[in-house]
Amino acid sequence: MAEMEFFDVKTKKKFKATEFRIEEKKGRFFAVTKSPTGDYECWRVVSKDTAAKFKK
């Protein structure tokens, strides 16, 4: 899987992750990964094309 950059809202820092999943909610697509600093998830909005590419 490719590397994608996420933003951790609680620590206010960016980080990169190679393991993430794609979710769809109300027609919008998101990449979701676990935060490196806590027990919560970080979500990032992605385009429909990007979601299709990684949803395999």
N, C-alpha and C. Protein backbone atom coordinates (compact mmCIF):
# COMPACT_ATOMS: atom_id res chain seq x y z
N MET A 1 0.83 -1.17 0.00
CA MET A 1 0.00 0.00 0.00
C MET A 1 0.89 1.25 0.00
N ALA A 2 0.44 2.28 -0.60
CA ALA A 2 1.21 3.52 -0.69
C ALA A 2 1.19 4.27 0.64
N GLU A 3 2.10 5.21 0.77
CA GLU A 3 2.19 6.02 1.97
C GLU A 3 1.26 7.23 1.85
N MET A 4 0.52 7.52 2.92
CA MET A 4 -0.41 8.65 2.91
C MET A 4 -0.18 9.47 4.18
N GLU A 5 -0.32 10.78 4.05
CA GLU A 5 -0.10 11.66 5.19
C GLU A 5 -1.42 11.96 5.90
N PHE A 6 -1.39 11.85 7.23
CA PHE A 6 -2.56 12.11 8.07
C PHE A 6 -2.23 13.23 9.05
N PHE A 7 -3.26 13.80 9.67
CA PHE A 7 -3.09 14.85 10.67
C PHE A 7 -3.76 14.39 11.95
N ASP A 8 -3.00 14.36 13.03
CA ASP A 8 -3.52 13.99 14.34
C ASP A 8 -4.03 15.26 15.02
N VAL A 9 -5.34 15.36 15.18
CA VAL A 9 -5.95 16.57 15.73
C VAL A 9 -5.58 16.77 17.20
N LYS A 10 -5.46 15.70 17.96
CA LYS A 10 -5.17 15.83 19.38
C LYS A 10 -3.76 16.33 19.65
N THR A 11 -2.78 15.84 18.87
CA THR A 11 -1.40 16.29 19.08
C THR A 11 -1.02 17.42 18.14
N LYS A 12 -1.89 17.71 17.17
CA LYS A 12 -1.67 18.78 16.18
C LYS A 12 -0.38 18.56 15.38
N LYS A 13 -0.16 17.30 14.99
CA LYS A 13 1.03 16.96 14.20
C LYS A 13 0.65 16.06 13.04
N LYS A 14 1.41 16.17 11.96
CA LYS A 14 1.23 15.31 10.80
C LYS A 14 2.07 14.05 10.97
N PHE A 15 1.61 12.97 10.37
CA PHE A 15 2.37 11.73 10.34
C PHE A 15 2.01 10.97 9.08
N LYS A 16 2.88 10.06 8.70
CA LYS A 16 2.65 9.25 7.50
C LYS A 16 2.36 7.81 7.91
N ALA A 17 1.47 7.19 7.16
CA ALA A 17 1.09 5.81 7.44
C ALA A 17 0.99 5.04 6.13
N THR A 18 1.38 3.79 6.18
CA THR A 18 1.28 2.92 5.01
C THR A 18 0.13 1.92 5.16
N GLU A 19 -0.35 1.72 6.39
CA GLU A 19 -1.47 0.81 6.62
C GLU A 19 -2.70 1.62 7.01
N PHE A 20 -3.71 1.58 6.15
CA PHE A 20 -4.95 2.28 6.40
C PHE A 20 -6.06 1.57 5.67
N ARG A 21 -7.28 1.86 6.05
CA ARG A 21 -8.44 1.27 5.36
C ARG A 21 -9.28 2.39 4.76
N ILE A 22 -10.08 2.05 3.78
CA ILE A 22 -10.95 3.01 3.11
C ILE A 22 -12.38 2.76 3.58
N GLU A 23 -13.06 3.83 4.00
CA GLU A 23 -14.45 3.74 4.43
C GLU A 23 -15.28 4.76 3.66
N GLU A 24 -16.56 4.44 3.48
CA GLU A 24 -17.48 5.36 2.81
C GLU A 24 -18.61 5.70 3.77
N LYS A 25 -18.88 6.98 3.93
CA LYS A 25 -19.99 7.44 4.76
C LYS A 25 -20.72 8.55 4.01
N LYS A 26 -21.98 8.33 3.77
CA LYS A 26 -22.85 9.31 3.10
C LYS A 26 -22.26 9.81 1.78
N GLY A 27 -21.68 8.90 1.02
CA GLY A 27 -21.16 9.25 -0.30
C GLY A 27 -19.77 9.84 -0.30
N ARG A 28 -19.15 10.04 0.86
CA ARG A 28 -17.78 10.57 0.93
C ARG A 28 -16.84 9.43 1.32
N PHE A 29 -15.61 9.52 0.87
CA PHE A 29 -14.64 8.47 1.11
C PHE A 29 -13.56 8.97 2.06
N PHE A 30 -13.13 8.08 2.97
CA PHE A 30 -12.14 8.43 3.98
C PHE A 30 -11.08 7.34 4.07
N ALA A 31 -9.85 7.77 4.34
CA ALA A 31 -8.79 6.84 4.70
C ALA A 31 -8.68 6.91 6.22
N VAL A 32 -8.65 5.76 6.88
CA VAL A 32 -8.66 5.70 8.34
C VAL A 32 -7.47 4.88 8.81
N THR A 33 -6.74 5.42 9.80
CA THR A 33 -5.61 4.70 10.37
C THR A 33 -5.56 4.96 11.86
N LYS A 34 -4.82 4.12 12.58
CA LYS A 34 -4.65 4.29 14.02
C LYS A 34 -3.61 5.36 14.28
N SER A 35 -3.85 6.18 15.28
CA SER A 35 -2.91 7.23 15.65
C SER A 35 -1.63 6.61 16.24
N PRO A 36 -0.47 7.16 15.91
CA PRO A 36 0.77 6.60 16.48
C PRO A 36 0.95 6.96 17.96
N THR A 37 0.19 7.92 18.48
CA THR A 37 0.38 8.36 19.86
C THR A 37 -0.72 7.95 20.81
N GLY A 38 -1.82 7.39 20.33
CA GLY A 38 -2.93 7.05 21.22
C GLY A 38 -3.75 5.89 20.71
N ASP A 39 -4.87 5.65 21.39
CA ASP A 39 -5.76 4.54 21.05
C ASP A 39 -6.97 5.01 20.24
N TYR A 40 -6.78 5.99 19.41
CA TYR A 40 -7.87 6.52 18.60
C TYR A 40 -7.47 6.51 17.13
N GLU A 41 -8.44 6.77 16.26
CA GLU A 41 -8.21 6.73 14.81
C GLU A 41 -8.14 8.14 14.24
N CYS A 42 -7.39 8.27 13.16
CA CYS A 42 -7.30 9.52 12.42
C CYS A 42 -7.93 9.28 11.05
N TRP A 43 -8.77 10.21 10.63
CA TRP A 43 -9.50 10.10 9.37
C TRP A 43 -9.04 11.17 8.41
N ARG A 44 -8.98 10.84 7.14
CA ARG A 44 -8.62 11.80 6.10
C ARG A 44 -9.57 11.62 4.92
N VAL A 45 -10.10 12.72 4.41
CA VAL A 45 -10.98 12.68 3.25
C VAL A 45 -10.14 12.40 2.02
N VAL A 46 -10.60 11.47 1.17
CA VAL A 46 -9.92 11.15 -0.08
C VAL A 46 -10.93 11.21 -1.22
N SER A 47 -10.43 11.35 -2.42
CA SER A 47 -11.31 11.41 -3.59
C SER A 47 -11.86 10.02 -3.92
N LYS A 48 -12.88 10.00 -4.73
CA LYS A 48 -13.50 8.75 -5.16
C LYS A 48 -12.49 7.90 -5.93
N ASP A 49 -11.66 8.53 -6.76
CA ASP A 49 -10.65 7.81 -7.54
C ASP A 49 -9.60 7.18 -6.63
N THR A 50 -9.16 7.93 -5.64
CA THR A 50 -8.16 7.42 -4.69
C THR A 50 -8.74 6.25 -3.89
N ALA A 51 -9.98 6.39 -3.48
CA ALA A 51 -10.64 5.31 -2.72
C ALA A 51 -10.74 4.05 -3.57
N ALA A 52 -11.09 4.20 -4.84
CA ALA A 52 -11.20 3.03 -5.72
C ALA A 52 -9.85 2.36 -5.91
N LYS A 53 -8.82 3.16 -5.97
CA LYS A 53 -7.47 2.63 -6.16
C LYS A 53 -7.01 1.78 -4.98
N PHE A 54 -7.35 2.22 -3.75
CA PHE A 54 -6.88 1.51 -2.55
C PHE A 54 -7.89 0.53 -1.96
N LYS A 55 -9.10 0.52 -2.46
CA LYS A 55 -10.15 -0.33 -1.87
C LYS A 55 -10.00 -1.81 -2.21
N LYS A 56 -9.13 -2.17 -3.08
CA LYS A 56 -8.94 -3.55 -3.55
C LYS A 56 -8.71 -4.53 -2.44
